[in-house]
Amino acid sequence: MAENRSQSRMHVVWNGAIRLPTLHIVQVKVLNLTDAGMQFSCSENLRIGQKYEMQIHVPDLNGGPNTTVVPCFAECLYVILSGREFRVGAKFSGLSPKNNELLLKWSERCARGVA
């Protein structure tokens, strides 16, 4: 079945963290990204419509050992229970121009099949 999406997904496995309203920090795994949002897995059932503070650890574009910590906000659009984890779809906001450019470079790289 073909997807009806305005942006193609970039499949990744990146670490991240999200801050709950209780101020508890939960580790997440970012599974895919688009220009507008992402899907990630986490151990907590997030609230649809809630905006969360988040950090994504984006690998070096050249394959080096360093990562860039990308802070942003993630607005929860959907939550699906998948085994013992929840899959969360979220919309980005609050990305700095520099970090937005980094994610766009990763997207271009994945579109070329280089990642």
PDB file of N, CA and C in Angstrom:
ATOM      1  N   MET A   1       0.844  -1.176   0.000  1.00  0.00           N
ATOM      2  CA  MET A   1       0.000   0.000   0.000  1.00  0.00           C
ATOM      3  C   MET A   1       0.895   1.247   0.000  1.00  0.00           C
ATOM      4  N   ALA A   2       0.640   2.149  -0.904  1.00  0.00           N
ATOM      5  CA  ALA A   2       1.419   3.386  -1.002  1.00  0.00           C
ATOM      6  C   ALA A   2       0.989   4.365   0.085  1.00  0.00           C
ATOM      7  N   GLU A   3       1.970   5.088   0.611  1.00  0.00           N
ATOM      8  CA  GLU A   3       1.665   6.094   1.625  1.00  0.00           C
ATOM      9  C   GLU A   3       1.294   7.403   0.959  1.00  0.00           C
ATOM     10  N   ASN A   4       0.372   8.110   1.561  1.00  0.00           N
ATOM     11  CA  ASN A   4      -0.021   9.424   1.080  1.00  0.00           C
ATOM     12  C   ASN A   4       0.575  10.456   2.025  1.00  0.00           C
ATOM     13  N   ARG A   5       1.848  10.776   1.824  1.00  0.00           N
ATOM     14  CA  ARG A   5       2.565  11.675   2.716  1.00  0.00           C
ATOM     15  C   ARG A   5       3.091  12.859   1.918  1.00  0.00           C
ATOM     16  N   SER A   6       3.128  14.029   2.548  1.00  0.00           N
ATOM     17  CA  SER A   6       3.683  15.204   1.879  1.00  0.00           C
ATOM     18  C   SER A   6       5.209  15.176   1.897  1.00  0.00           C
ATOM     19  N   GLN A   7       5.817  14.515   2.876  1.00  0.00           N
ATOM     20  CA  GLN A   7       7.273  14.374   2.949  1.00  0.00           C
ATOM     21  C   GLN A   7       7.612  12.904   3.155  1.00  0.00           C
ATOM     22  N   SER A   8       8.705  12.458   2.528  1.00  0.00           N
ATOM     23  CA  SER A   8       9.111  11.070   2.719  1.00  0.00           C
ATOM     24  C   SER A   8       9.789  10.919   4.076  1.00  0.00           C
ATOM     25  N   ARG A   9       9.718   9.712   4.608  1.00  0.00           N
ATOM     26  CA  ARG A   9      10.337   9.426   5.905  1.00  0.00           C
ATOM     27  C   ARG A   9      11.815   9.122   5.751  1.00  0.00           C
ATOM     28  N   MET A  10      12.578   9.551   6.726  1.00  0.00           N
ATOM     29  CA  MET A  10      13.990   9.212   6.820  1.00  0.00           C
ATOM     30  C   MET A  10      14.103   8.225   7.983  1.00  0.00           C
ATOM     31  N   HIS A  11      14.406   6.961   7.670  1.00  0.00           N
ATOM     32  CA  HIS A  11      14.494   5.935   8.707  1.00  0.00           C
ATOM     33  C   HIS A  11      15.838   6.042   9.423  1.00  0.00           C
ATOM     34  N   VAL A  12      15.787   6.152  10.734  1.00  0.00           N
ATOM     35  CA  VAL A  12      16.980   6.311  11.563  1.00  0.00           C
ATOM     36  C   VAL A  12      16.798   5.490  12.839  1.00  0.00           C
ATOM     37  N   VAL A  13      17.841   5.352  13.597  1.00  0.00           N
ATOM     38  CA  VAL A  13      17.760   4.830  14.967  1.00  0.00           C
ATOM     39  C   VAL A  13      18.685   5.717  15.790  1.00  0.00           C
ATOM     40  N   TRP A  14      18.097   6.782  16.320  1.00  0.00           N
ATOM     41  CA  TRP A  14      18.849   7.768  17.085  1.00  0.00           C
ATOM     42  C   TRP A  14      18.320   7.816  18.510  1.00  0.00           C
ATOM     43  N   ASN A  15      19.203   8.068  19.453  1.00  0.00           N
ATOM     44  CA  ASN A  15      18.801   8.226  20.850  1.00  0.00           C
ATOM     45  C   ASN A  15      18.240   9.620  21.082  1.00  0.00           C
ATOM     46  N   GLY A  16      17.444   9.717  22.095  1.00  0.00           N
ATOM     47  CA  GLY A  16      16.897  11.002  22.494  1.00  0.00           C
ATOM     48  C   GLY A  16      16.313  10.902  23.888  1.00  0.00           C
ATOM     49  N   ALA A  17      15.742  12.000  24.332  1.00  0.00           N
ATOM     50  CA  ALA A  17      15.109  12.049  25.649  1.00  0.00           C
ATOM     51  C   ALA A  17      13.964  13.039  25.595  1.00  0.00           C
ATOM     52  N   ILE A  18      12.967  12.776  26.407  1.00  0.00           N
ATOM     53  CA  ILE A  18      11.798  13.647  26.473  1.00  0.00           C
ATOM     54  C   ILE A  18      11.500  13.944  27.940  1.00  0.00           C
ATOM     55  N   ARG A  19      11.086  15.175  28.202  1.00  0.00           N
ATOM     56  CA  ARG A  19      10.758  15.566  29.584  1.00  0.00           C
ATOM     57  C   ARG A  19       9.240  15.524  29.748  1.00  0.00           C
ATOM     58  N   LEU A  20       8.798  14.724  30.709  1.00  0.00           N
ATOM     59  CA  LEU A  20       7.372  14.625  31.018  1.00  0.00           C
ATOM     60  C   LEU A  20       6.926  15.829  31.840  1.00  0.00           C
ATOM     61  N   PRO A  21       5.627  16.094  31.916  1.00  0.00           N
ATOM     62  CA  PRO A  21       5.145  17.209  32.752  1.00  0.00           C
ATOM     63  C   PRO A  21       5.554  17.084  34.224  1.00  0.00           C
ATOM     64  N   THR A  22       5.826  15.863  34.674  1.00  0.00           N
ATOM     65  CA  THR A  22       6.286  15.633  36.056  1.00  0.00           C
ATOM     66  C   THR A  22       7.764  15.971  36.215  1.00  0.00           C
ATOM     67  N   LEU A  23       8.418  16.401  35.122  1.00  0.00           N
ATOM     68  CA  LEU A  23       9.845  16.717  35.029  1.00  0.00           C
ATOM     69  C   LEU A  23      10.730  15.470  34.970  1.00  0.00           C
ATOM     70  N   HIS A  24      10.119  14.295  34.957  1.00  0.00           N
ATOM     71  CA  HIS A  24      10.848  13.037  34.793  1.00  0.00           C
ATOM     72  C   HIS A  24      11.360  12.960  33.354  1.00  0.00           C
ATOM     73  N   ILE A  25      12.608  12.523  33.172  1.00  0.00           N
ATOM     74  CA  ILE A  25      13.216  12.381  31.850  1.00  0.00           C
ATOM     75  C   ILE A  25      13.091  10.927  31.405  1.00  0.00           C
ATOM     76  N   VAL A  26      12.599  10.719  30.193  1.00  0.00           N
ATOM     77  CA  VAL A  26      12.414   9.379  29.633  1.00  0.00           C
ATOM     78  C   VAL A  26      13.269   9.258  28.374  1.00  0.00           C
ATOM     79  N   GLN A  27      14.032   8.174  28.280  1.00  0.00           N
ATOM     80  CA  GLN A  27      14.834   7.910  27.083  1.00  0.00           C
ATOM     81  C   GLN A  27      13.918   7.459  25.952  1.00  0.00           C
ATOM     82  N   VAL A  28      14.236   7.880  24.729  1.00  0.00           N
ATOM     83  CA  VAL A  28      13.461   7.503  23.551  1.00  0.00           C
ATOM     84  C   VAL A  28      14.412   7.038  22.458  1.00  0.00           C
ATOM     85  N   LYS A  29      13.855   6.340  21.482  1.00  0.00           N
ATOM     86  CA  LYS A  29      14.571   5.973  20.254  1.00  0.00           C
ATOM     87  C   LYS A  29      13.810   6.598  19.102  1.00  0.00           C
ATOM     88  N   VAL A  30      14.451   7.508  18.390  1.00  0.00           N
ATOM     89  CA  VAL A  30      13.844   8.108  17.207  1.00  0.00           C
ATOM     90  C   VAL A  30      13.956   7.081  16.085  1.00  0.00           C
ATOM     91  N   LEU A  31      12.813   6.780  15.451  1.00  0.00           N
ATOM     92  CA  LEU A  31      12.757   5.734  14.436  1.00  0.00           C
ATOM     93  C   LEU A  31      12.713   6.287  13.017  1.00  0.00           C
ATOM     94  N   ASN A  32      12.044   7.422  12.844  1.00  0.00           N
ATOM     95  CA  ASN A  32      12.042   8.063  11.535  1.00  0.00           C
ATOM     96  C   ASN A  32      11.696   9.532  11.679  1.00  0.00           C
ATOM     97  N   LEU A  33      12.099  10.295  10.662  1.00  0.00           N
ATOM     98  CA  LEU A  33      11.897  11.746  10.647  1.00  0.00           C
ATOM     99  C   LEU A  33      11.365  12.181   9.291  1.00  0.00           C
ATOM    100  N   THR A  34      10.635  13.268   9.295  1.00  0.00           N
ATOM    101  CA  THR A  34      10.299  13.998   8.080  1.00  0.00           C
ATOM    102  C   THR A  34      10.704  15.447   8.337  1.00  0.00           C
ATOM    103  N   ASP A  35      10.451  16.310   7.378  1.00  0.00           N
ATOM    104  CA  ASP A  35      10.736  17.730   7.586  1.00  0.00           C
ATOM    105  C   ASP A  35       9.884  18.318   8.710  1.00  0.00           C
ATOM    106  N   ALA A  36       8.730  17.722   8.965  1.00  0.00           N
ATOM    107  CA  ALA A  36       7.788  18.296   9.922  1.00  0.00           C
ATOM    108  C   ALA A  36       7.714  17.575  11.258  1.00  0.00           C
ATOM    109  N   GLY A  37       8.174  16.324  11.311  1.00  0.00           N
ATOM    110  CA  GLY A  37       7.996  15.594  12.557  1.00  0.00           C
ATOM    111  C   GLY A  37       8.777  14.308  12.595  1.00  0.00           C
ATOM    112  N   MET A  38       8.357  13.413  13.499  1.00  0.00           N
ATOM    113  CA  MET A  38       9.099  12.181  13.727  1.00  0.00           C
ATOM    114  C   MET A  38       8.205  11.125  14.344  1.00  0.00           C
ATOM    115  N   GLN A  39       8.714   9.903  14.337  1.00  0.00           N
ATOM    116  CA  GLN A  39       8.132   8.821  15.120  1.00  0.00           C
ATOM    117  C   GLN A  39       9.238   8.314  16.032  1.00  0.00           C
ATOM    118  N   PHE A  40       8.892   8.092  17.291  1.00  0.00           N
ATOM    119  CA  PHE A  40       9.861   7.549  18.236  1.00  0.00           C
ATOM    120  C   PHE A  40       9.180   6.553  19.146  1.00  0.00           C
ATOM    121  N   SER A  41       9.982   5.715  19.789  1.00  0.00           N
ATOM    122  CA  SER A  41       9.445   4.765  20.761  1.00  0.00           C
ATOM    123  C   SER A  41       9.884   5.193  22.156  1.00  0.00           C
ATOM    124  N   CYS A  42       9.010   4.952  23.126  1.00  0.00           N
ATOM    125  CA  CYS A  42       9.342   5.259  24.511  1.00  0.00           C
ATOM    126  C   CYS A  42       8.531   4.365  25.439  1.00  0.00           C
ATOM    127  N   SER A  43       8.900   4.350  26.694  1.00  0.00           N
ATOM    128  CA  SER A  43       8.262   3.475  27.676  1.00  0.00           C
ATOM    129  C   SER A  43       7.000   4.083  28.282  1.00  0.00           C
ATOM    130  N   GLU A  44       6.754   5.356  28.015  1.00  0.00           N
ATOM    131  CA  GLU A  44       5.612   6.060  28.619  1.00  0.00           C
ATOM    132  C   GLU A  44       4.511   6.316  27.596  1.00  0.00           C
ATOM    133  N   ASN A  45       3.277   6.243  28.044  1.00  0.00           N
ATOM    134  CA  ASN A  45       2.125   6.567  27.205  1.00  0.00           C
ATOM    135  C   ASN A  45       1.923   8.084  27.246  1.00  0.00           C
ATOM    136  N   LEU A  46       2.310   8.758  26.190  1.00  0.00           N
ATOM    137  CA  LEU A  46       2.219  10.215  26.148  1.00  0.00           C
ATOM    138  C   LEU A  46       0.807  10.655  25.813  1.00  0.00           C
ATOM    139  N   ARG A  47       0.516  11.890  26.131  1.00  0.00           N
ATOM    140  CA  ARG A  47      -0.827  12.442  25.949  1.00  0.00           C
ATOM    141  C   ARG A  47      -0.940  13.141  24.588  1.00  0.00           C
ATOM    142  N   ILE A  48      -1.898  12.739  23.789  1.00  0.00           N
ATOM    143  CA  ILE A  48      -2.119  13.346  22.480  1.00  0.00           C
ATOM    144  C   ILE A  48      -2.465  14.821  22.673  1.00  0.00           C
ATOM    145  N   GLY A  49      -1.834  15.669  21.869  1.00  0.00           N
ATOM    146  CA  GLY A  49      -2.040  17.111  21.954  1.00  0.00           C
ATOM    147  C   GLY A  49      -1.091  17.819  22.896  1.00  0.00           C
ATOM    148  N   GLN A  50      -0.386  17.078  23.741  1.00  0.00           N
ATOM    149  CA  GLN A  50       0.561  17.660  24.686  1.00  0.00           C
ATOM    150  C   GLN A  50       1.869  17.980  23.970  1.00  0.00           C
ATOM    151  N   LYS A  51       2.499  19.095  24.340  1.00  0.00           N
ATOM    152  CA  LYS A  51       3.804  19.471  23.808  1.00  0.00           C
ATOM    153  C   LYS A  51       4.856  19.155  24.865  1.00  0.00           C
ATOM    154  N   TYR A  52       5.925  18.465  24.440  1.00  0.00           N
ATOM    155  CA  TYR A  52       6.981  18.012  25.341  1.00  0.00           C
ATOM    156  C   TYR A  52       8.327  18.606  24.931  1.00  0.00           C
ATOM    157  N   GLU A  53       9.162  18.926  25.914  1.00  0.00           N
ATOM    158  CA  GLU A  53      10.554  19.274  25.630  1.00  0.00           C
ATOM    159  C   GLU A  53      11.288  17.993  25.257  1.00  0.00           C
ATOM    160  N   MET A  54      12.157  18.095  24.251  1.00  0.00           N
ATOM    161  CA  MET A  54      12.840  16.903  23.762  1.00  0.00           C
ATOM    162  C   MET A  54      14.254  17.246  23.333  1.00  0.00           C
ATOM    163  N   GLN A  55      15.120  16.248  23.379  1.00  0.00           N
ATOM    164  CA  GLN A  55      16.464  16.342  22.812  1.00  0.00           C
ATOM    165  C   GLN A  55      16.680  15.123  21.943  1.00  0.00           C
ATOM    166  N   ILE A  56      17.253  15.359  20.758  1.00  0.00           N
ATOM    167  CA  ILE A  56      17.597  14.271  19.843  1.00  0.00           C
ATOM    168  C   ILE A  56      19.113  14.285  19.669  1.00  0.00           C
ATOM    169  N   HIS A  57      19.729  13.132  19.751  1.00  0.00           N
ATOM    170  CA  HIS A  57      21.174  13.004  19.582  1.00  0.00           C
ATOM    171  C   HIS A  57      21.434  12.611  18.122  1.00  0.00           C
ATOM    172  N   VAL A  58      21.818  13.605  17.324  1.00  0.00           N
ATOM    173  CA  VAL A  58      21.991  13.416  15.881  1.00  0.00           C
ATOM    174  C   VAL A  58      23.457  13.086  15.592  1.00  0.00           C
ATOM    175  N   PRO A  59      23.695  11.949  14.912  1.00  0.00           N
ATOM    176  CA  PRO A  59      25.074  11.556  14.610  1.00  0.00           C
ATOM    177  C   PRO A  59      25.770  12.539  13.673  1.00  0.00           C
ATOM    178  N   ASP A  60      27.088  12.491  13.714  1.00  0.00           N
ATOM    179  CA  ASP A  60      27.923  13.283  12.820  1.00  0.00           C
ATOM    180  C   ASP A  60      27.663  12.861  11.374  1.00  0.00           C
ATOM    181  N   LEU A  61      27.513  13.822  10.486  1.00  0.00           N
ATOM    182  CA  LEU A  61      27.255  13.536   9.072  1.00  0.00           C
ATOM    183  C   LEU A  61      28.402  12.785   8.401  1.00  0.00           C
ATOM    184  N   ASN A  62      29.616  12.947   8.913  1.00  0.00           N
ATOM    185  CA  ASN A  62      30.787  12.313   8.312  1.00  0.00           C
ATOM    186  C   ASN A  62      31.153  10.986   8.966  1.00  0.00           C
ATOM    187  N   GLY A  63      30.284  10.486   9.841  1.00  0.00           N
ATOM    188  CA  GLY A  63      30.540   9.194  10.473  1.00  0.00           C
ATOM    189  C   GLY A  63      31.456   9.246  11.676  1.00  0.00           C
ATOM    190  N   GLY A  64      31.777  10.449  12.138  1.00  0.00           N
ATOM    191  CA  GLY A  64      32.629  10.593  13.312  1.00  0.00           C
ATOM    192  C   GLY A  64      31.915  10.161  14.582  1.00  0.00           C
ATOM    193  N   PRO A  65      32.649  10.107  15.685  1.00  0.00           N
ATOM    194  CA  PRO A  65      32.069   9.614  16.945  1.00  0.00           C
ATOM    195  C   PRO A  65      31.168  10.623  17.659  1.00  0.00           C
ATOM    196  N   ASN A  66      31.199  11.887  17.260  1.00  0.00           N
ATOM    197  CA  ASN A  66      30.434  12.915  17.964  1.00  0.00           C
ATOM    198  C   ASN A  66      28.972  12.952  17.524  1.00  0.00           C
ATOM    199  N   THR A  67      28.138  13.394  18.442  1.00  0.00           N
ATOM    200  CA  THR A  67      26.737  13.646  18.116  1.00  0.00           C
ATOM    201  C   THR A  67      26.419  15.097  18.460  1.00  0.00           C
ATOM    202  N   THR A  68      25.386  15.604  17.825  1.00  0.00           N
ATOM    203  CA  THR A  68      24.885  16.936  18.129  1.00  0.00           C
ATOM    204  C   THR A  68      23.586  16.775  18.891  1.00  0.00           C
ATOM    205  N   VAL A  69      23.494  17.393  20.043  1.00  0.00           N
ATOM    206  CA  VAL A  69      22.255  17.363  20.815  1.00  0.00           C
ATOM    207  C   VAL A  69      21.342  18.455  20.248  1.00  0.00           C
ATOM    208  N   VAL A  70      20.205  18.023  19.722  1.00  0.00           N
ATOM    209  CA  VAL A  70      19.254  18.930  19.086  1.00  0.00           C
ATOM    210  C   VAL A  70      18.048  19.094  20.006  1.00  0.00           C
ATOM    211  N   PRO A  71      17.922  20.246  20.680  1.00  0.00           N
ATOM    212  CA  PRO A  71      16.741  20.480  21.509  1.00  0.00           C
ATOM    213  C   PRO A  71      15.575  20.943  20.632  1.00  0.00           C
ATOM    214  N   CYS A  72      14.382  20.521  21.010  1.00  0.00           N
ATOM    215  CA  CYS A  72      13.187  20.926  20.280  1.00  0.00           C
ATOM    216  C   CYS A  72      11.967  20.664  21.158  1.00  0.00           C
ATOM    217  N   PHE A  73      10.819  20.981  20.628  1.00  0.00           N
ATOM    218  CA  PHE A  73       9.552  20.591  21.239  1.00  0.00           C
ATOM    219  C   PHE A  73       8.903  19.575  20.326  1.00  0.00           C
ATOM    220  N   ALA A  74       8.216  18.614  20.914  1.00  0.00           N
ATOM    221  CA  ALA A  74       7.506  17.585  20.164  1.00  0.00           C
ATOM    222  C   ALA A  74       6.055  17.585  20.627  1.00  0.00           C
ATOM    223  N   GLU A  75       5.152  17.894  19.699  1.00  0.00           N
ATOM    224  CA  GLU A  75       3.719  17.838  20.008  1.00  0.00           C
ATOM    225  C   GLU A  75       3.200  16.466  19.618  1.00  0.00           C
ATOM    226  N   CYS A  76       2.672  15.734  20.594  1.00  0.00           N
ATOM    227  CA  CYS A  76       2.213  14.360  20.388  1.00  0.00           C
ATOM    228  C   CYS A  76       0.963  14.345  19.500  1.00  0.00           C
ATOM    229  N   LEU A  77       1.047  13.641  18.369  1.00  0.00           N
ATOM    230  CA  LEU A  77      -0.077  13.530  17.434  1.00  0.00           C
ATOM    231  C   LEU A  77      -0.814  12.202  17.569  1.00  0.00           C
ATOM    232  N   TYR A  78      -0.078  11.129  17.870  1.00  0.00           N
ATOM    233  CA  TYR A  78      -0.695   9.818  18.076  1.00  0.00           C
ATOM    234  C   TYR A  78       0.205   8.958  18.936  1.00  0.00           C
ATOM    235  N   VAL A  79      -0.396   7.953  19.564  1.00  0.00           N
ATOM    236  CA  VAL A  79       0.345   6.980  20.380  1.00  0.00           C
ATOM    237  C   VAL A  79      -0.213   5.600  20.073  1.00  0.00           C
ATOM    238  N   ILE A  80       0.685   4.653  19.784  1.00  0.00           N
ATOM    239  CA  ILE A  80       0.299   3.274  19.488  1.00  0.00           C
ATOM    240  C   ILE A  80       1.111   2.354  20.388  1.00  0.00           C
ATOM    241  N   LEU A  81       0.437   1.465  21.107  1.00  0.00           N
ATOM    242  CA  LEU A  81       1.140   0.468  21.911  1.00  0.00           C
ATOM    243  C   LEU A  81       1.718  -0.583  20.974  1.00  0.00           C
ATOM    244  N   SER A  82       3.017  -0.823  21.091  1.00  0.00           N
ATOM    245  CA  SER A  82       3.707  -1.795  20.236  1.00  0.00           C
ATOM    246  C   SER A  82       4.579  -2.671  21.132  1.00  0.00           C
ATOM    247  N   GLY A  83       4.057  -3.808  21.525  1.00  0.00           N
ATOM    248  CA  GLY A  83       4.766  -4.666  22.484  1.00  0.00           C
ATOM    249  C   GLY A  83       4.796  -4.001  23.844  1.00  0.00           C
ATOM    250  N   ARG A  84       5.982  -3.802  24.385  1.00  0.00           N
ATOM    251  CA  ARG A  84       6.130  -3.156  25.697  1.00  0.00           C
ATOM    252  C   ARG A  84       6.406  -1.667  25.595  1.00  0.00           C
ATOM    253  N   GLU A  85       6.499  -1.166  24.383  1.00  0.00           N
ATOM    254  CA  GLU A  85       6.815   0.246  24.147  1.00  0.00           C
ATOM    255  C   GLU A  85       5.638   0.937  23.457  1.00  0.00           C
ATOM    256  N   PHE A  86       5.680   2.240  23.489  1.00  0.00           N
ATOM    257  CA  PHE A  86       4.703   3.048  22.772  1.00  0.00           C
ATOM    258  C   PHE A  86       5.401   3.691  21.580  1.00  0.00           C
ATOM    259  N   ARG A  87       4.743   3.666  20.437  1.00  0.00           N
ATOM    260  CA  ARG A  87       5.230   4.395  19.259  1.00  0.00           C
ATOM    261  C   ARG A  87       4.470   5.706  19.220  1.00  0.00           C
ATOM    262  N   VAL A  88       5.224   6.782  19.129  1.00  0.00           N
ATOM    263  CA  VAL A  88       4.648   8.121  19.221  1.00  0.00           C
ATOM    264  C   VAL A  88       4.949   8.881  17.934  1.00  0.00           C
ATOM    265  N   GLY A  89       3.920   9.469  17.364  1.00  0.00           N
ATOM    266  CA  GLY A  89       4.094  10.379  16.238  1.00  0.00           C
ATOM    267  C   GLY A  89       4.013  11.793  16.772  1.00  0.00           C
ATOM    268  N   ALA A  90       4.957  12.637  16.372  1.00  0.00           N
ATOM    269  CA  ALA A  90       5.015  13.987  16.930  1.00  0.00           C
ATOM    270  C   ALA A  90       5.419  14.990  15.858  1.00  0.00           C
ATOM    271  N   LYS A  91       4.981  16.214  16.063  1.00  0.00           N
ATOM    272  CA  LYS A  91       5.323  17.331  15.184  1.00  0.00           C
ATOM    273  C   LYS A  91       6.392  18.163  15.878  1.00  0.00           C
ATOM    274  N   PHE A  92       7.444  18.548  15.097  1.00  0.00           N
ATOM    275  CA  PHE A  92       8.525  19.382  15.613  1.00  0.00           C
ATOM    276  C   PHE A  92       8.082  20.825  15.784  1.00  0.00           C
ATOM    277  N   SER A  93       8.717  21.495  16.724  1.00  0.00           N
ATOM    278  CA  SER A  93       8.710  22.962  16.770  1.00  0.00           C
ATOM    279  C   SER A  93       9.920  23.385  17.599  1.00  0.00           C
ATOM    280  N   GLY A  94      10.288  24.642  17.483  1.00  0.00           N
ATOM    281  CA  GLY A  94      11.368  25.181  18.288  1.00  0.00           C
ATOM    282  C   GLY A  94      12.764  24.788  17.852  1.00  0.00           C
ATOM    283  N   LEU A  95      12.939  24.294  16.624  1.00  0.00           N
ATOM    284  CA  LEU A  95      14.284  23.976  16.136  1.00  0.00           C
ATOM    285  C   LEU A  95      15.013  25.258  15.772  1.00  0.00           C
ATOM    286  N   SER A  96      16.263  25.363  16.172  1.00  0.00           N
ATOM    287  CA  SER A  96      17.073  26.503  15.743  1.00  0.00           C
ATOM    288  C   SER A  96      17.353  26.352  14.247  1.00  0.00           C
ATOM    289  N   PRO A  97      17.644  27.450  13.544  1.00  0.00           N
ATOM    290  CA  PRO A  97      17.988  27.342  12.123  1.00  0.00           C
ATOM    291  C   PRO A  97      19.167  26.392  11.873  1.00  0.00           C
ATOM    292  N   LYS A  98      20.163  26.422  12.737  1.00  0.00           N
ATOM    293  CA  LYS A  98      21.336  25.548  12.592  1.00  0.00           C
ATOM    294  C   LYS A  98      20.941  24.078  12.694  1.00  0.00           C
ATOM    295  N   ASN A  99      20.121  23.742  13.688  1.00  0.00           N
ATOM    296  CA  ASN A  99      19.710  22.351  13.870  1.00  0.00           C
ATOM    297  C   ASN A  99      18.732  21.909  12.790  1.00  0.00           C
ATOM    298  N   ASN A 100      17.884  22.823  12.330  1.00  0.00           N
ATOM    299  CA  ASN A 100      16.985  22.505  11.227  1.00  0.00           C
ATOM    300  C   ASN A 100      17.809  22.163   9.979  1.00  0.00           C
ATOM    301  N   GLU A 101      18.869  22.936   9.732  1.00  0.00           N
ATOM    302  CA  GLU A 101      19.757  22.686   8.593  1.00  0.00           C
ATOM    303  C   GLU A 101      20.436  21.320   8.723  1.00  0.00           C
ATOM    304  N   LEU A 102      20.861  20.951   9.933  1.00  0.00           N
ATOM    305  CA  LEU A 102      21.483  19.647  10.161  1.00  0.00           C
ATOM    306  C   LEU A 102      20.519  18.517   9.794  1.00  0.00           C
ATOM    307  N   LEU A 103      19.275  18.620  10.242  1.00  0.00           N
ATOM    308  CA  LEU A 103      18.294  17.582   9.931  1.00  0.00           C
ATOM    309  C   LEU A 103      17.988  17.536   8.435  1.00  0.00           C
ATOM    310  N   LEU A 104      17.955  18.691   7.779  1.00  0.00           N
ATOM    311  CA  LEU A 104      17.740  18.720   6.333  1.00  0.00           C
ATOM    312  C   LEU A 104      18.895  18.048   5.595  1.00  0.00           C
ATOM    313  N   LYS A 105      20.122  18.257   6.057  1.00  0.00           N
ATOM    314  CA  LYS A 105      21.280  17.596   5.441  1.00  0.00           C
ATOM    315  C   LYS A 105      21.191  16.085   5.590  1.00  0.00           C
ATOM    316  N   TRP A 106      20.754  15.621   6.769  1.00  0.00           N
ATOM    317  CA  TRP A 106      20.560  14.180   6.957  1.00  0.00           C
ATOM    318  C   TRP A 106      19.477  13.669   6.025  1.00  0.00           C
ATOM    319  N   SER A 107      18.401  14.419   5.880  1.00  0.00           N
ATOM    320  CA  SER A 107      17.299  14.022   4.998  1.00  0.00           C
ATOM    321  C   SER A 107      17.769  13.903   3.548  1.00  0.00           C
ATOM    322  N   GLU A 108      18.557  14.885   3.099  1.00  0.00           N
ATOM    323  CA  GLU A 108      19.101  14.840   1.735  1.00  0.00           C
ATOM    324  C   GLU A 108      20.018  13.637   1.557  1.00  0.00           C
ATOM    325  N   ARG A 109      20.815  13.371   2.554  1.00  0.00           N
ATOM    326  CA  ARG A 109      21.734  12.227   2.494  1.00  0.00           C
ATOM    327  C   ARG A 109      20.961  10.917   2.398  1.00  0.00           C
ATOM    328  N   CYS A 110      19.915  10.778   3.188  1.00  0.00           N
ATOM    329  CA  CYS A 110      19.112   9.561   3.152  1.00  0.00           C
ATOM    330  C   CYS A 110      18.360   9.421   1.830  1.00  0.00           C
ATOM    331  N   ALA A 111      17.917  10.545   1.278  1.00  0.00           N
ATOM    332  CA  ALA A 111      17.217  10.520  -0.012  1.00  0.00           C
ATOM    333  C   ALA A 111      18.147  10.011  -1.119  1.00  0.00           C
ATOM    334  N   ARG A 112      19.436  10.288  -0.986  1.00  0.00           N
ATOM    335  CA  ARG A 112      20.421   9.805  -1.963  1.00  0.00           C
ATOM    336  C   ARG A 112      20.840   8.362  -1.687  1.00  0.00           C
ATOM    337  N   GLY A 113      20.361   7.797  -0.572  1.00  0.00           N
ATOM    338  CA  GLY A 113      20.698   6.417  -0.230  1.00  0.00           C
ATOM    339  C   GLY A 113      22.094   6.251   0.340  1.00  0.00           C
ATOM    340  N   VAL A 114      22.634   7.308   0.932  1.00  0.00           N
ATOM    341  CA  VAL A 114      24.010   7.280   1.448  1.00  0.00           C
ATOM    342  C   VAL A 114      24.058   6.909   2.918  1.00  0.00           C
ATOM    343  N   ALA A 115      22.988   7.111   3.663  1.00  0.00           N
ATOM    344  CA  ALA A 115      23.016   6.925   5.118  1.00  0.00           C
ATOM    345  C   ALA A 115      23.251   5.498   5.545  1.00  0.00           C
TER     346      ALA A 115
END
